[in-house]
Amino acid sequence: MASYYYFVATLPTLMDSAVPPFGYADFMARAAGQLKPGDFRILDSARLSIPEDGQAPDVARLSSLLTRYYQWDASVRNELVRLRSQRLQKPADRHLKPGLPEWEGIKTAQTAFLADDPLQGELLIERDRWAFIEILAANNFFNMEYLVAYALKLQALERRQRFKAELGEEGYRTVYRSVLDTADYRDESGETR
Protein backbone atom coordinates (compact mmCIF):
# COMPACT_ATOMS: atom_id res chain seq x y z
CA MET A 1 0.00 0.00 0.00
CA ALA A 2 1.09 3.51 -0.76
CA SER A 3 2.17 6.08 1.79
CA TYR A 4 0.45 9.43 1.99
CA TYR A 5 2.82 11.59 4.03
CA TYR A 6 1.58 14.96 2.83
CA PHE A 7 -2.12 14.17 3.08
CA VAL A 8 -1.89 12.64 6.56
CA ALA A 9 0.25 15.57 7.75
CA THR A 10 -2.56 17.98 6.79
CA LEU A 11 -5.17 16.16 8.89
CA PRO A 12 -5.92 17.41 12.41
CA THR A 13 -5.70 14.90 15.24
CA LEU A 14 -9.01 13.36 16.25
CA MET A 15 -9.75 13.07 19.94
CA ASP A 16 -12.34 10.79 21.51
CA SER A 17 -15.43 12.75 22.63
CA ALA A 18 -14.30 15.89 20.77
CA VAL A 19 -16.15 17.87 18.14
CA PRO A 20 -15.11 16.73 14.66
CA PRO A 21 -12.80 19.31 13.01
CA PHE A 22 -14.70 18.83 9.73
CA GLY A 23 -17.32 16.49 8.35
CA TYR A 24 -16.81 13.03 6.93
CA ALA A 25 -18.00 14.25 3.50
CA ASP A 26 -15.32 16.97 3.56
CA PHE A 27 -12.68 14.41 4.48
CA MET A 28 -13.72 12.16 1.61
CA ALA A 29 -13.65 15.09 -0.82
CA ARG A 30 -10.09 15.89 0.31
CA ALA A 31 -9.08 12.23 0.04
CA ALA A 32 -10.49 11.92 -3.49
CA GLY A 33 -7.89 14.39 -4.72
CA GLN A 34 -4.99 12.81 -2.85
CA LEU A 35 -5.37 9.04 -3.09
CA LYS A 36 -4.82 6.58 -5.90
CA PRO A 37 -8.18 5.34 -7.27
CA GLY A 38 -7.79 1.83 -5.80
CA ASP A 39 -6.88 3.22 -2.39
CA PHE A 40 -9.81 5.62 -2.52
CA ARG A 41 -12.17 2.68 -3.13
CA ILE A 42 -10.80 1.01 0.01
CA LEU A 43 -11.28 4.21 1.99
CA ASP A 44 -14.78 4.65 0.59
CA SER A 45 -15.68 1.15 1.85
CA ALA A 46 -14.81 2.15 5.44
CA ARG A 47 -18.23 2.53 7.01
CA LEU A 48 -19.09 2.64 10.67
CA SER A 49 -21.48 -0.29 10.29
CA ILE A 50 -21.45 -3.31 8.06
CA PRO A 51 -24.12 -3.32 5.35
CA GLU A 52 -27.53 -4.81 6.18
CA ASP A 53 -26.70 -8.05 4.38
CA GLY A 54 -23.83 -8.56 6.83
CA GLN A 55 -21.21 -8.74 4.09
CA ALA A 56 -18.35 -6.27 3.95
CA PRO A 57 -17.65 -4.90 0.47
CA ASP A 58 -15.09 -7.02 -1.39
CA VAL A 59 -12.64 -4.12 -1.61
CA ALA A 60 -12.67 -3.83 2.22
CA ARG A 61 -10.80 -7.14 2.37
CA LEU A 62 -7.74 -5.30 1.03
CA SER A 63 -7.44 -3.57 4.40
CA SER A 64 -6.62 -5.80 7.35
CA LEU A 65 -7.77 -3.04 9.70
CA LEU A 66 -11.15 -2.80 8.00
CA THR A 67 -11.54 -6.57 7.91
CA ARG A 68 -10.95 -6.81 11.67
CA TYR A 69 -13.15 -3.78 12.36
CA TYR A 70 -16.07 -5.26 10.43
CA GLN A 71 -15.61 -8.50 12.38
CA TRP A 72 -15.86 -6.47 15.62
CA ASP A 73 -18.95 -4.61 14.39
CA ALA A 74 -20.70 -7.85 13.33
CA SER A 75 -19.86 -9.41 16.71
CA VAL A 76 -21.37 -6.47 18.59
CA ARG A 77 -24.54 -6.61 16.52
CA ASN A 78 -24.88 -10.39 16.67
CA GLU A 79 -24.36 -10.52 20.43
CA LEU A 80 -26.96 -7.78 20.95
CA VAL A 81 -29.39 -9.79 18.81
CA ARG A 82 -28.74 -12.90 20.92
CA LEU A 83 -29.16 -11.06 24.22
CA ARG A 84 -32.32 -9.24 23.15
CA SER A 85 -33.78 -12.44 21.73
CA GLN A 86 -33.13 -14.26 25.01
CA ARG A 87 -34.83 -11.48 26.93
CA LEU A 88 -37.86 -11.64 24.62
CA GLN A 89 -37.72 -15.45 24.44
CA LYS A 90 -37.65 -15.33 20.64
CA PRO A 91 -35.35 -17.11 18.17
CA ALA A 92 -32.37 -15.05 17.05
CA ASP A 93 -31.19 -17.06 14.05
CA ARG A 94 -32.84 -15.09 11.27
CA HIS A 95 -31.36 -11.81 12.53
CA LEU A 96 -27.76 -12.96 12.90
CA LYS A 97 -25.18 -11.88 10.33
CA PRO A 98 -22.48 -14.22 9.02
CA GLY A 99 -18.95 -13.94 10.32
CA LEU A 100 -16.51 -15.13 12.89
CA PRO A 101 -17.01 -13.93 16.46
CA GLU A 102 -14.61 -11.32 17.83
CA TRP A 103 -14.23 -11.45 21.61
CA GLU A 104 -13.84 -7.69 22.16
CA GLY A 105 -17.06 -7.06 20.25
CA ILE A 106 -18.94 -9.66 22.27
CA LYS A 107 -17.72 -8.11 25.54
CA THR A 108 -18.79 -4.66 24.34
CA ALA A 109 -22.30 -5.87 23.50
CA GLN A 110 -22.71 -7.69 26.81
CA THR A 111 -21.65 -4.63 28.80
CA ALA A 112 -23.83 -2.27 26.74
CA PHE A 113 -26.82 -4.59 27.16
CA LEU A 114 -26.52 -4.27 30.94
CA ALA A 115 -26.38 -0.45 30.88
CA ASP A 116 -28.93 1.48 32.93
CA ASP A 117 -30.46 3.13 29.87
CA PRO A 118 -30.13 2.91 26.07
CA LEU A 119 -28.11 6.14 25.80
CA GLN A 120 -25.50 4.85 28.25
CA GLY A 121 -25.35 1.59 26.30
CA GLU A 122 -24.77 3.46 23.03
CA LEU A 123 -22.10 5.66 24.61
CA LEU A 124 -20.33 2.56 25.92
CA ILE A 125 -20.39 1.01 22.44
CA GLU A 126 -18.95 4.23 21.01
CA ARG A 127 -16.13 4.33 23.60
CA ASP A 128 -15.25 0.70 22.91
CA ARG A 129 -15.46 1.26 19.14
CA TRP A 130 -12.96 4.11 19.43
CA ALA A 131 -10.62 2.06 21.60
CA PHE A 132 -10.77 -0.90 19.20
CA ILE A 133 -10.00 1.30 16.20
CA GLU A 134 -7.06 2.78 18.13
CA ILE A 135 -5.70 -0.71 18.81
CA LEU A 136 -6.07 -1.69 15.16
CA ALA A 137 -4.38 1.52 13.99
CA ALA A 138 -1.35 1.14 16.26
CA ASN A 139 1.93 1.55 14.36
CA ASN A 140 0.20 2.79 11.21
CA PHE A 141 1.12 6.37 10.48
CA PHE A 142 1.14 7.57 6.88
CA ASN A 143 -0.50 4.64 5.11
CA MET A 144 -3.98 3.50 4.06
CA GLU A 145 -4.63 1.77 7.38
CA TYR A 146 -4.13 5.10 9.14
CA LEU A 147 -6.58 6.77 6.73
CA VAL A 148 -9.15 3.97 7.16
CA ALA A 149 -8.93 4.37 10.95
CA TYR A 150 -9.25 8.15 10.54
CA ALA A 151 -12.39 7.74 8.41
CA LEU A 152 -13.95 5.39 10.97
CA LYS A 153 -13.12 7.69 13.87
CA LEU A 154 -14.50 10.73 12.06
CA GLN A 155 -17.77 8.88 11.43
CA ALA A 156 -17.88 7.82 15.08
CA LEU A 157 -17.47 11.44 16.21
CA GLU A 158 -20.26 12.56 13.88
CA ARG A 159 -22.52 9.79 15.17
CA ARG A 160 -21.84 10.70 18.78
CA GLN A 161 -22.69 14.33 18.05
CA ARG A 162 -26.21 13.24 17.06
CA PHE A 163 -26.90 11.72 20.49
CA LYS A 164 -29.35 13.93 22.29
CA ALA A 165 -31.14 12.58 25.35
CA GLU A 166 -34.21 14.75 24.76
CA LEU A 167 -34.62 13.55 21.18
CA GLY A 168 -34.21 9.93 22.27
CA GLU A 169 -36.84 10.34 24.98
CA GLU A 170 -39.25 11.97 22.52
CA GLY A 171 -38.64 9.20 19.98
CA TYR A 172 -39.32 6.59 22.63
CA ARG A 173 -42.57 8.30 23.65
CA THR A 174 -43.70 8.53 20.02
CA VAL A 175 -43.10 4.83 19.42
CA TYR A 176 -44.68 3.88 22.74
CA ARG A 177 -47.79 5.99 21.95
CA SER A 178 -48.16 4.33 18.54
CA VAL A 179 -47.88 0.87 20.11
CA LEU A 180 -50.55 1.73 22.69
CA ASP A 181 -52.80 3.24 20.02
CA THR A 182 -52.71 0.06 17.93
CA ALA A 183 -52.69 -2.47 20.79
CA ASP A 184 -55.70 -4.25 22.22
CA TYR A 185 -55.27 -3.91 25.98
CA ARG A 186 -57.26 -3.51 29.18
CA ASP A 187 -57.05 -0.36 31.26
CA GLU A 188 -57.31 -0.23 35.07
CA SER A 189 -61.13 -0.53 34.94
CA GLY A 190 -60.81 -3.87 33.14
CA GLU A 191 -62.37 -2.59 29.93
CA THR A 192 -60.80 -3.51 26.60
CA ARG A 193 -59.60 -0.61 24.48
C-alpha atoms as a PDB file:
ATOM      1  CA  MET A   1       0.000   0.000   0.000  1.00  0.00           C
ATOM      2  CA  ALA A   2       1.088   3.507  -0.756  1.00  0.00           C
ATOM      3  CA  SER A   3       2.172   6.077   1.791  1.00  0.00           C
ATOM      4  CA  TYR A   4       0.447   9.433   1.988  1.00  0.00           C
ATOM      5  CA  TYR A   5       2.820  11.585   4.032  1.00  0.00           C
ATOM      6  CA  TYR A   6       1.579  14.959   2.832  1.00  0.00           C
ATOM      7  CA  PHE A   7      -2.122  14.168   3.078  1.00  0.00           C
ATOM      8  CA  VAL A   8      -1.892  12.643   6.564  1.00  0.00           C
ATOM      9  CA  ALA A   9       0.247  15.573   7.753  1.00  0.00           C
ATOM     10  CA  THR A  10      -2.561  17.979   6.795  1.00  0.00           C
ATOM     11  CA  LEU A  11      -5.173  16.163   8.887  1.00  0.00           C
ATOM     12  CA  PRO A  12      -5.917  17.412  12.409  1.00  0.00           C
ATOM     13  CA  THR A  13      -5.702  14.902  15.243  1.00  0.00           C
ATOM     14  CA  LEU A  14      -9.010  13.358  16.247  1.00  0.00           C
ATOM     15  CA  MET A  15      -9.748  13.074  19.945  1.00  0.00           C
ATOM     16  CA  ASP A  16     -12.336  10.789  21.505  1.00  0.00           C
ATOM     17  CA  SER A  17     -15.432  12.748  22.630  1.00  0.00           C
ATOM     18  CA  ALA A  18     -14.300  15.889  20.773  1.00  0.00           C
ATOM     19  CA  VAL A  19     -16.154  17.869  18.142  1.00  0.00           C
ATOM     20  CA  PRO A  20     -15.112  16.734  14.657  1.00  0.00           C
ATOM     21  CA  PRO A  21     -12.802  19.311  13.012  1.00  0.00           C
ATOM     22  CA  PHE A  22     -14.697  18.831   9.726  1.00  0.00           C
ATOM     23  CA  GLY A  23     -17.321  16.492   8.349  1.00  0.00           C
ATOM     24  CA  TYR A  24     -16.811  13.032   6.928  1.00  0.00           C
ATOM     25  CA  ALA A  25     -18.001  14.248   3.501  1.00  0.00           C
ATOM     26  CA  ASP A  26     -15.322  16.973   3.560  1.00  0.00           C
ATOM     27  CA  PHE A  27     -12.685  14.410   4.482  1.00  0.00           C
ATOM     28  CA  MET A  28     -13.716  12.159   1.608  1.00  0.00           C
ATOM     29  CA  ALA A  29     -13.654  15.093  -0.821  1.00  0.00           C
ATOM     30  CA  ARG A  30     -10.088  15.887   0.305  1.00  0.00           C
ATOM     31  CA  ALA A  31      -9.079  12.229   0.039  1.00  0.00           C
ATOM     32  CA  ALA A  32     -10.485  11.918  -3.489  1.00  0.00           C
ATOM     33  CA  GLY A  33      -7.894  14.389  -4.723  1.00  0.00           C
ATOM     34  CA  GLN A  34      -4.986  12.814  -2.849  1.00  0.00           C
ATOM     35  CA  LEU A  35      -5.368   9.038  -3.093  1.00  0.00           C
ATOM     36  CA  LYS A  36      -4.823   6.582  -5.902  1.00  0.00           C
ATOM     37  CA  PRO A  37      -8.185   5.336  -7.273  1.00  0.00           C
ATOM     38  CA  GLY A  38      -7.786   1.830  -5.804  1.00  0.00           C
ATOM     39  CA  ASP A  39      -6.877   3.223  -2.385  1.00  0.00           C
ATOM     40  CA  PHE A  40      -9.811   5.624  -2.518  1.00  0.00           C
ATOM     41  CA  ARG A  41     -12.169   2.679  -3.135  1.00  0.00           C
ATOM     42  CA  ILE A  42     -10.801   1.013   0.008  1.00  0.00           C
ATOM     43  CA  LEU A  43     -11.277   4.213   1.992  1.00  0.00           C
ATOM     44  CA  ASP A  44     -14.777   4.646   0.589  1.00  0.00           C
ATOM     45  CA  SER A  45     -15.676   1.153   1.850  1.00  0.00           C
ATOM     46  CA  ALA A  46     -14.812   2.153   5.435  1.00  0.00           C
ATOM     47  CA  ARG A  47     -18.226   2.525   7.010  1.00  0.00           C
ATOM     48  CA  LEU A  48     -19.087   2.644  10.670  1.00  0.00           C
ATOM     49  CA  SER A  49     -21.477  -0.295  10.294  1.00  0.00           C
ATOM     50  CA  ILE A  50     -21.450  -3.311   8.059  1.00  0.00           C
ATOM     51  CA  PRO A  51     -24.120  -3.317   5.350  1.00  0.00           C
ATOM     52  CA  GLU A  52     -27.528  -4.808   6.178  1.00  0.00           C
ATOM     53  CA  ASP A  53     -26.696  -8.053   4.382  1.00  0.00           C
ATOM     54  CA  GLY A  54     -23.835  -8.562   6.829  1.00  0.00           C
ATOM     55  CA  GLN A  55     -21.208  -8.739   4.088  1.00  0.00           C
ATOM     56  CA  ALA A  56     -18.350  -6.269   3.948  1.00  0.00           C
ATOM     57  CA  PRO A  57     -17.647  -4.897   0.472  1.00  0.00           C
ATOM     58  CA  ASP A  58     -15.089  -7.021  -1.388  1.00  0.00           C
ATOM     59  CA  VAL A  59     -12.643  -4.121  -1.605  1.00  0.00           C
ATOM     60  CA  ALA A  60     -12.670  -3.825   2.215  1.00  0.00           C
ATOM     61  CA  ARG A  61     -10.797  -7.136   2.369  1.00  0.00           C
ATOM     62  CA  LEU A  62      -7.739  -5.304   1.030  1.00  0.00           C
ATOM     63  CA  SER A  63      -7.444  -3.565   4.401  1.00  0.00           C
ATOM     64  CA  SER A  64      -6.621  -5.804   7.349  1.00  0.00           C
ATOM     65  CA  LEU A  65      -7.773  -3.037   9.703  1.00  0.00           C
ATOM     66  CA  LEU A  66     -11.145  -2.795   8.004  1.00  0.00           C
ATOM     67  CA  THR A  67     -11.544  -6.574   7.913  1.00  0.00           C
ATOM     68  CA  ARG A  68     -10.948  -6.807  11.668  1.00  0.00           C
ATOM     69  CA  TYR A  69     -13.149  -3.777  12.364  1.00  0.00           C
ATOM     70  CA  TYR A  70     -16.072  -5.260  10.428  1.00  0.00           C
ATOM     71  CA  GLN A  71     -15.607  -8.497  12.377  1.00  0.00           C
ATOM     72  CA  TRP A  72     -15.861  -6.474  15.617  1.00  0.00           C
ATOM     73  CA  ASP A  73     -18.953  -4.614  14.390  1.00  0.00           C
ATOM     74  CA  ALA A  74     -20.698  -7.847  13.335  1.00  0.00           C
ATOM     75  CA  SER A  75     -19.864  -9.414  16.705  1.00  0.00           C
ATOM     76  CA  VAL A  76     -21.372  -6.471  18.588  1.00  0.00           C
ATOM     77  CA  ARG A  77     -24.540  -6.606  16.519  1.00  0.00           C
ATOM     78  CA  ASN A  78     -24.883 -10.388  16.673  1.00  0.00           C
ATOM     79  CA  GLU A  79     -24.363 -10.516  20.426  1.00  0.00           C
ATOM     80  CA  LEU A  80     -26.959  -7.776  20.954  1.00  0.00           C
ATOM     81  CA  VAL A  81     -29.386  -9.790  18.814  1.00  0.00           C
ATOM     82  CA  ARG A  82     -28.735 -12.896  20.917  1.00  0.00           C
ATOM     83  CA  LEU A  83     -29.157 -11.056  24.218  1.00  0.00           C
ATOM     84  CA  ARG A  84     -32.317  -9.241  23.151  1.00  0.00           C
ATOM     85  CA  SER A  85     -33.784 -12.443  21.727  1.00  0.00           C
ATOM     86  CA  GLN A  86     -33.128 -14.265  25.009  1.00  0.00           C
ATOM     87  CA  ARG A  87     -34.830 -11.477  26.929  1.00  0.00           C
ATOM     88  CA  LEU A  88     -37.865 -11.643  24.620  1.00  0.00           C
ATOM     89  CA  GLN A  89     -37.721 -15.454  24.443  1.00  0.00           C
ATOM     90  CA  LYS A  90     -37.649 -15.326  20.637  1.00  0.00           C
ATOM     91  CA  PRO A  91     -35.354 -17.108  18.169  1.00  0.00           C
ATOM     92  CA  ALA A  92     -32.372 -15.048  17.049  1.00  0.00           C
ATOM     93  CA  ASP A  93     -31.186 -17.063  14.052  1.00  0.00           C
ATOM     94  CA  ARG A  94     -32.837 -15.093  11.265  1.00  0.00           C
ATOM     95  CA  HIS A  95     -31.361 -11.806  12.526  1.00  0.00           C
ATOM     96  CA  LEU A  96     -27.755 -12.963  12.903  1.00  0.00           C
ATOM     97  CA  LYS A  97     -25.182 -11.883  10.328  1.00  0.00           C
ATOM     98  CA  PRO A  98     -22.482 -14.222   9.017  1.00  0.00           C
ATOM     99  CA  GLY A  99     -18.950 -13.941  10.318  1.00  0.00           C
ATOM    100  CA  LEU A 100     -16.513 -15.128  12.889  1.00  0.00           C
ATOM    101  CA  PRO A 101     -17.008 -13.926  16.458  1.00  0.00           C
ATOM    102  CA  GLU A 102     -14.607 -11.324  17.826  1.00  0.00           C
ATOM    103  CA  TRP A 103     -14.232 -11.447  21.611  1.00  0.00           C
ATOM    104  CA  GLU A 104     -13.838  -7.688  22.165  1.00  0.00           C
ATOM    105  CA  GLY A 105     -17.061  -7.059  20.245  1.00  0.00           C
ATOM    106  CA  ILE A 106     -18.939  -9.662  22.266  1.00  0.00           C
ATOM    107  CA  LYS A 107     -17.721  -8.109  25.544  1.00  0.00           C
ATOM    108  CA  THR A 108     -18.788  -4.662  24.340  1.00  0.00           C
ATOM    109  CA  ALA A 109     -22.305  -5.873  23.496  1.00  0.00           C
ATOM    110  CA  GLN A 110     -22.707  -7.688  26.810  1.00  0.00           C
ATOM    111  CA  THR A 111     -21.650  -4.635  28.803  1.00  0.00           C
ATOM    112  CA  ALA A 112     -23.832  -2.269  26.742  1.00  0.00           C
ATOM    113  CA  PHE A 113     -26.816  -4.586  27.162  1.00  0.00           C
ATOM    114  CA  LEU A 114     -26.524  -4.268  30.936  1.00  0.00           C
ATOM    115  CA  ALA A 115     -26.381  -0.450  30.876  1.00  0.00           C
ATOM    116  CA  ASP A 116     -28.928   1.478  32.926  1.00  0.00           C
ATOM    117  CA  ASP A 117     -30.464   3.131  29.865  1.00  0.00           C
ATOM    118  CA  PRO A 118     -30.132   2.910  26.072  1.00  0.00           C
ATOM    119  CA  LEU A 119     -28.114   6.137  25.797  1.00  0.00           C
ATOM    120  CA  GLN A 120     -25.502   4.846  28.245  1.00  0.00           C
ATOM    121  CA  GLY A 121     -25.355   1.588  26.296  1.00  0.00           C
ATOM    122  CA  GLU A 122     -24.768   3.461  23.032  1.00  0.00           C
ATOM    123  CA  LEU A 123     -22.096   5.657  24.611  1.00  0.00           C
ATOM    124  CA  LEU A 124     -20.334   2.560  25.917  1.00  0.00           C
ATOM    125  CA  ILE A 125     -20.387   1.008  22.443  1.00  0.00           C
ATOM    126  CA  GLU A 126     -18.949   4.227  21.009  1.00  0.00           C
ATOM    127  CA  ARG A 127     -16.130   4.332  23.600  1.00  0.00           C
ATOM    128  CA  ASP A 128     -15.249   0.702  22.907  1.00  0.00           C
ATOM    129  CA  ARG A 129     -15.464   1.260  19.145  1.00  0.00           C
ATOM    130  CA  TRP A 130     -12.961   4.111  19.434  1.00  0.00           C
ATOM    131  CA  ALA A 131     -10.618   2.056  21.598  1.00  0.00           C
ATOM    132  CA  PHE A 132     -10.774  -0.903  19.198  1.00  0.00           C
ATOM    133  CA  ILE A 133      -9.997   1.303  16.199  1.00  0.00           C
ATOM    134  CA  GLU A 134      -7.055   2.777  18.134  1.00  0.00           C
ATOM    135  CA  ILE A 135      -5.704  -0.712  18.808  1.00  0.00           C
ATOM    136  CA  LEU A 136      -6.065  -1.691  15.160  1.00  0.00           C
ATOM    137  CA  ALA A 137      -4.379   1.517  13.990  1.00  0.00           C
ATOM    138  CA  ALA A 138      -1.347   1.140  16.262  1.00  0.00           C
ATOM    139  CA  ASN A 139       1.933   1.549  14.364  1.00  0.00           C
ATOM    140  CA  ASN A 140       0.196   2.794  11.214  1.00  0.00           C
ATOM    141  CA  PHE A 141       1.118   6.374  10.480  1.00  0.00           C
ATOM    142  CA  PHE A 142       1.140   7.573   6.877  1.00  0.00           C
ATOM    143  CA  ASN A 143      -0.501   4.643   5.113  1.00  0.00           C
ATOM    144  CA  MET A 144      -3.975   3.504   4.059  1.00  0.00           C
ATOM    145  CA  GLU A 145      -4.626   1.773   7.376  1.00  0.00           C
ATOM    146  CA  TYR A 146      -4.133   5.104   9.140  1.00  0.00           C
ATOM    147  CA  LEU A 147      -6.581   6.766   6.734  1.00  0.00           C
ATOM    148  CA  VAL A 148      -9.145   3.967   7.158  1.00  0.00           C
ATOM    149  CA  ALA A 149      -8.933   4.369  10.950  1.00  0.00           C
ATOM    150  CA  TYR A 150      -9.246   8.147  10.544  1.00  0.00           C
ATOM    151  CA  ALA A 151     -12.386   7.737   8.414  1.00  0.00           C
ATOM    152  CA  LEU A 152     -13.951   5.390  10.967  1.00  0.00           C
ATOM    153  CA  LYS A 153     -13.121   7.686  13.871  1.00  0.00           C
ATOM    154  CA  LEU A 154     -14.504  10.726  12.057  1.00  0.00           C
ATOM    155  CA  GLN A 155     -17.773   8.878  11.426  1.00  0.00           C
ATOM    156  CA  ALA A 156     -17.877   7.825  15.084  1.00  0.00           C
ATOM    157  CA  LEU A 157     -17.472  11.436  16.212  1.00  0.00           C
ATOM    158  CA  GLU A 158     -20.258  12.557  13.880  1.00  0.00           C
ATOM    159  CA  ARG A 159     -22.520   9.786  15.170  1.00  0.00           C
ATOM    160  CA  ARG A 160     -21.839  10.699  18.780  1.00  0.00           C
ATOM    161  CA  GLN A 161     -22.693  14.335  18.049  1.00  0.00           C
ATOM    162  CA  ARG A 162     -26.207  13.243  17.055  1.00  0.00           C
ATOM    163  CA  PHE A 163     -26.901  11.718  20.489  1.00  0.00           C
ATOM    164  CA  LYS A 164     -29.349  13.925  22.286  1.00  0.00           C
ATOM    165  CA  ALA A 165     -31.143  12.578  25.353  1.00  0.00           C
ATOM    166  CA  GLU A 166     -34.207  14.752  24.761  1.00  0.00           C
ATOM    167  CA  LEU A 167     -34.621  13.547  21.177  1.00  0.00           C
ATOM    168  CA  GLY A 168     -34.206   9.927  22.272  1.00  0.00           C
ATOM    169  CA  GLU A 169     -36.845  10.342  24.980  1.00  0.00           C
ATOM    170  CA  GLU A 170     -39.247  11.971  22.524  1.00  0.00           C
ATOM    171  CA  GLY A 171     -38.635   9.196  19.977  1.00  0.00           C
ATOM    172  CA  TYR A 172     -39.323   6.588  22.632  1.00  0.00           C
ATOM    173  CA  ARG A 173     -42.573   8.299  23.652  1.00  0.00           C
ATOM    174  CA  THR A 174     -43.700   8.526  20.020  1.00  0.00           C
ATOM    175  CA  VAL A 175     -43.096   4.826  19.416  1.00  0.00           C
ATOM    176  CA  TYR A 176     -44.679   3.885  22.736  1.00  0.00           C
ATOM    177  CA  ARG A 177     -47.789   5.991  21.949  1.00  0.00           C
ATOM    178  CA  SER A 178     -48.156   4.329  18.535  1.00  0.00           C
ATOM    179  CA  VAL A 179     -47.880   0.870  20.111  1.00  0.00           C
ATOM    180  CA  LEU A 180     -50.550   1.726  22.690  1.00  0.00           C
ATOM    181  CA  ASP A 181     -52.800   3.240  20.019  1.00  0.00           C
ATOM    182  CA  THR A 182     -52.707   0.060  17.931  1.00  0.00           C
ATOM    183  CA  ALA A 183     -52.694  -2.473  20.792  1.00  0.00           C
ATOM    184  CA  ASP A 184     -55.696  -4.252  22.222  1.00  0.00           C
ATOM    185  CA  TYR A 185     -55.268  -3.912  25.980  1.00  0.00           C
ATOM    186  CA  ARG A 186     -57.255  -3.513  29.178  1.00  0.00           C
ATOM    187  CA  ASP A 187     -57.051  -0.365  31.255  1.00  0.00           C
ATOM    188  CA  GLU A 188     -57.315  -0.229  35.074  1.00  0.00           C
ATOM    189  CA  SER A 189     -61.132  -0.525  34.939  1.00  0.00           C
ATOM    190  CA  GLY A 190     -60.814  -3.868  33.144  1.00  0.00           C
ATOM    191  CA  GLU A 191     -62.373  -2.587  29.926  1.00  0.00           C
ATOM    192  CA  THR A 192     -60.801  -3.514  26.598  1.00  0.00           C
ATOM    193  CA  ARG A 193     -59.597  -0.613  24.481  1.00  0.00           C
END
